[in-house]
Amino acid sequence: MVISVINSTTLHRIPVVSALDAHDDFESFSKRIGESLENSGFVLISDHSLPSHTLDECLSLFKTFFSRSDSEKAQYHQPGLAGARGYTPFGIETAQGESVPDLKEFWHVGRELPIGHRFKSMMPMNVWVNDLPEFKQTLLATYQAFEQLGALLLRGIAHYLHLPADWFDAAVCDGNSILRILHYPPIVSPTQLSPALIST
């Protein structure tokens, strides 16, 4: 088993690339992203276009949601979808190759497709918490903001690979990307953990 860890030493070696450079100096932006991904597989993005108020609203909504009782949250679980949309309860998802479930619960939201779209039958419908005001609007705004930032990064990567800047556009257009909101509840007692997890 290979375990990859980003410690403080490694973190300092990962370049911080300003998203503003995509407009001011695209050549440098592309080069720094490409080299960072080539060397470490990671890149840190600053000055991104993600609206802080949207992120704050999203986090606030999920602090409220995840604080609800298990029975309340369970009504948003979609059995048979492998967590593709909506809520996945604590202790269900298990990493590939592992036998012990992860200590998290999470929510997945994907793309909203119009009626009649060619991918409509292939993508599960999103699940919404109707009694939380602005839930749908905030999640879709967050999803779209991340998608726009991702498109910018892909253009930088394409340029670094000596491809047309829009080379990835067709591949990701209307793709089944997922925004995942994770929550790791506090472990208040070692008895909550399985012996297998403690031994690792």
Protein backbone atom coordinates (compact mmCIF):
# COMPACT_ATOMS: atom_id res chain seq x y z
CA MET A 1 0.00 0.00 0.00
CA VAL A 2 1.29 3.42 -0.90
CA ILE A 3 0.44 6.30 1.41
CA SER A 4 0.96 9.83 0.20
CA VAL A 5 1.26 12.52 2.85
CA ILE A 6 1.55 16.26 2.34
CA ASN A 7 3.49 17.49 5.36
CA SER A 8 4.57 21.03 6.17
CA THR A 9 7.85 20.57 4.31
CA THR A 10 6.17 19.33 1.14
CA LEU A 11 3.51 22.05 1.34
CA HIS A 12 6.18 24.73 1.24
CA ARG A 13 7.48 23.33 -2.04
CA ILE A 14 4.10 23.57 -3.81
CA PRO A 15 3.90 26.88 -5.68
CA VAL A 16 1.08 29.30 -4.99
CA VAL A 17 -0.25 30.52 -8.32
CA SER A 18 -2.43 33.60 -8.51
CA ALA A 19 -5.50 33.18 -10.70
CA LEU A 20 -5.05 36.85 -11.63
CA ASP A 21 -1.95 35.84 -13.59
CA ALA A 22 -4.22 34.09 -16.09
CA HIS A 23 -5.25 37.55 -17.24
CA ASP A 24 -2.02 39.47 -16.58
CA ASP A 25 0.59 36.92 -17.69
CA PHE A 26 -1.02 33.76 -19.06
CA GLU A 27 2.31 32.30 -20.16
CA SER A 28 3.69 32.43 -16.60
CA PHE A 29 0.37 31.21 -15.16
CA SER A 30 0.37 28.19 -17.46
CA LYS A 31 4.03 27.40 -16.85
CA ARG A 32 3.76 27.50 -13.05
CA ILE A 33 0.62 25.37 -12.96
CA GLY A 34 2.04 22.83 -15.38
CA GLU A 35 5.38 22.54 -13.60
CA SER A 36 3.75 22.20 -10.19
CA LEU A 37 1.41 19.44 -11.37
CA GLU A 38 4.26 17.70 -13.16
CA ASN A 39 6.51 17.81 -10.09
CA SER A 40 4.08 17.12 -7.25
CA GLY A 41 0.60 16.56 -8.63
CA PHE A 42 -0.65 19.59 -6.68
CA VAL A 43 -0.98 23.32 -7.13
CA LEU A 44 -2.22 26.00 -4.73
CA ILE A 45 -4.42 28.72 -6.24
CA SER A 46 -4.70 32.18 -4.71
CA ASP A 47 -6.75 35.20 -5.77
CA HIS A 48 -9.35 32.86 -7.21
CA SER A 49 -12.70 33.99 -8.50
CA LEU A 50 -14.77 32.03 -5.98
CA PRO A 51 -17.07 34.59 -4.29
CA SER A 52 -16.37 34.57 -0.54
CA HIS A 53 -20.02 35.25 0.30
CA THR A 54 -21.09 32.20 -1.73
CA LEU A 55 -18.56 29.96 0.02
CA ASP A 56 -19.57 31.35 3.42
CA GLU A 57 -23.25 30.73 2.69
CA CYS A 58 -22.50 27.19 1.53
CA LEU A 59 -20.48 26.37 4.66
CA SER A 60 -23.13 27.90 6.89
CA LEU A 61 -25.88 25.82 5.28
CA PHE A 62 -23.94 22.61 5.79
CA LYS A 63 -23.02 23.40 9.37
CA THR A 64 -26.75 23.53 9.94
CA PHE A 65 -27.49 20.42 7.93
CA PHE A 66 -24.74 18.21 9.37
CA SER A 67 -25.77 19.18 12.90
CA ARG A 68 -29.17 17.54 12.38
CA SER A 69 -30.05 14.12 13.75
CA ASP A 70 -29.09 11.03 11.79
CA SER A 71 -32.73 10.24 11.12
CA GLU A 72 -33.36 13.71 9.69
CA LYS A 73 -30.35 13.51 7.40
CA ALA A 74 -31.10 9.94 6.33
CA GLN A 75 -34.16 11.02 4.33
CA TYR A 76 -31.77 12.62 1.83
CA HIS A 77 -29.76 9.44 1.34
CA GLN A 78 -30.24 7.79 -2.06
CA PRO A 79 -29.57 4.03 -1.73
CA GLY A 80 -28.32 2.44 -4.92
CA LEU A 81 -26.61 5.56 -6.25
CA ALA A 82 -23.28 4.97 -4.44
CA GLY A 83 -23.48 8.48 -3.06
CA ALA A 84 -23.64 10.09 -6.51
CA ARG A 85 -26.17 12.68 -5.33
CA GLY A 86 -27.50 13.90 -2.01
CA TYR A 87 -26.42 12.71 1.42
CA THR A 88 -24.17 9.79 2.33
CA PRO A 89 -24.21 8.92 6.07
CA PHE A 90 -21.22 8.50 8.34
CA GLY A 91 -19.28 5.26 8.05
CA ILE A 92 -20.61 4.12 4.67
CA GLU A 93 -17.97 5.07 2.13
CA THR A 94 -14.88 2.88 2.10
CA ALA A 95 -11.78 3.80 0.12
CA GLN A 96 -10.80 1.48 -2.71
CA GLY A 97 -8.70 -1.39 -1.42
CA GLU A 98 -9.65 -0.76 2.22
CA SER A 99 -12.00 -2.67 4.51
CA VAL A 100 -12.64 0.02 7.12
CA PRO A 101 -15.14 2.81 6.30
CA ASP A 102 -13.99 6.42 6.30
CA LEU A 103 -15.00 8.55 9.28
CA LYS A 104 -17.04 11.04 7.33
CA GLU A 105 -20.44 11.99 6.02
CA PHE A 106 -20.89 14.05 2.89
CA TRP A 107 -23.16 15.61 0.32
CA HIS A 108 -22.86 15.48 -3.46
CA VAL A 109 -24.34 17.95 -5.91
CA GLY A 110 -23.89 17.70 -9.66
CA ARG A 111 -24.87 19.48 -12.81
CA GLU A 112 -28.46 20.58 -13.39
CA LEU A 113 -29.52 19.55 -16.88
CA PRO A 114 -32.58 20.85 -18.73
CA ILE A 115 -35.42 18.54 -19.72
CA GLY A 116 -34.59 16.70 -22.92
CA HIS A 117 -30.82 17.03 -22.55
CA ARG A 118 -28.93 14.13 -24.15
CA PHE A 119 -27.23 13.27 -20.84
CA LYS A 120 -30.38 13.55 -18.71
CA SER A 121 -30.87 9.78 -18.48
CA MET A 122 -27.22 9.21 -17.51
CA MET A 123 -26.92 11.71 -14.66
CA PRO A 124 -28.86 11.33 -11.39
CA MET A 125 -31.04 14.22 -10.34
CA ASN A 126 -29.81 16.47 -7.57
CA VAL A 127 -31.34 16.26 -4.12
CA TRP A 128 -32.39 19.44 -2.30
CA VAL A 129 -33.13 20.26 1.34
CA ASN A 130 -36.27 22.29 0.84
CA ASP A 131 -36.60 23.52 4.41
CA LEU A 132 -33.24 25.29 4.27
CA PRO A 133 -33.71 28.63 2.51
CA GLU A 134 -31.32 29.24 -0.37
CA PHE A 135 -30.01 25.65 -0.27
CA LYS A 136 -30.46 24.93 -3.98
CA GLN A 137 -29.48 28.40 -5.14
CA THR A 138 -26.34 28.50 -2.99
CA LEU A 139 -25.14 25.01 -3.96
CA LEU A 140 -25.62 25.63 -7.66
CA ALA A 141 -23.82 28.97 -7.39
CA THR A 142 -20.93 27.26 -5.58
CA TYR A 143 -20.84 24.47 -8.17
CA GLN A 144 -20.77 26.95 -11.04
CA ALA A 145 -18.03 29.04 -9.43
CA PHE A 146 -15.78 26.00 -9.02
CA GLU A 147 -16.54 24.91 -12.58
CA GLN A 148 -15.49 28.29 -13.94
CA LEU A 149 -12.26 28.18 -11.97
CA GLY A 150 -11.64 24.61 -13.17
CA ALA A 151 -12.08 25.68 -16.78
CA LEU A 152 -9.47 28.39 -16.28
CA LEU A 153 -6.99 25.89 -14.83
CA LEU A 154 -7.62 23.45 -17.69
CA ARG A 155 -6.82 26.18 -20.20
CA GLY A 156 -3.54 26.79 -18.42
CA ILE A 157 -2.75 23.07 -18.43
CA ALA A 158 -3.59 22.74 -22.14
CA HIS A 159 -1.27 25.60 -23.00
CA TYR A 160 1.52 24.04 -20.93
CA LEU A 161 1.07 20.82 -22.93
CA HIS A 162 1.38 22.81 -26.18
CA LEU A 163 -2.26 22.21 -27.00
CA PRO A 164 -4.88 24.79 -27.99
CA ALA A 165 -6.12 26.57 -24.86
CA ASP A 166 -9.66 25.27 -25.45
CA TRP A 167 -8.51 21.66 -25.98
CA PHE A 168 -10.30 20.35 -22.85
CA ASP A 169 -13.47 22.41 -23.33
CA ALA A 170 -15.39 19.84 -25.34
CA ALA A 171 -14.39 17.00 -23.01
CA VAL A 172 -15.74 18.71 -19.89
CA CYS A 173 -18.74 20.46 -21.43
CA ASP A 174 -21.88 19.20 -19.62
CA GLY A 175 -19.72 16.58 -17.90
CA ASN A 176 -20.74 14.70 -14.77
CA SER A 177 -18.58 16.66 -12.33
CA ILE A 178 -19.52 16.50 -8.66
CA LEU A 179 -19.10 19.01 -5.85
CA ARG A 180 -18.53 17.19 -2.57
CA ILE A 181 -19.09 18.78 0.83
CA LEU A 182 -17.35 16.70 3.51
CA HIS A 183 -17.91 16.57 7.25
CA TYR A 184 -15.71 14.61 9.64
CA PRO A 185 -17.63 14.49 12.94
CA PRO A 186 -15.53 14.70 16.11
CA ILE A 187 -14.51 11.36 17.60
CA VAL A 188 -15.41 11.76 21.26
CA SER A 189 -14.47 8.24 22.31
CA PRO A 190 -12.08 5.57 20.94
CA THR A 191 -14.97 3.11 21.21
CA GLN A 192 -16.43 4.78 18.13
CA LEU A 193 -13.53 3.46 16.11
CA SER A 194 -13.23 -0.08 14.84
CA PRO A 195 -10.21 -2.07 16.08
CA ALA A 196 -8.98 -2.37 12.49
CA LEU A 197 -8.89 1.40 12.12
CA ILE A 198 -7.07 1.94 15.42
CA SER A 199 -4.43 -0.64 14.49
CA THR A 200 -3.59 1.20 11.28
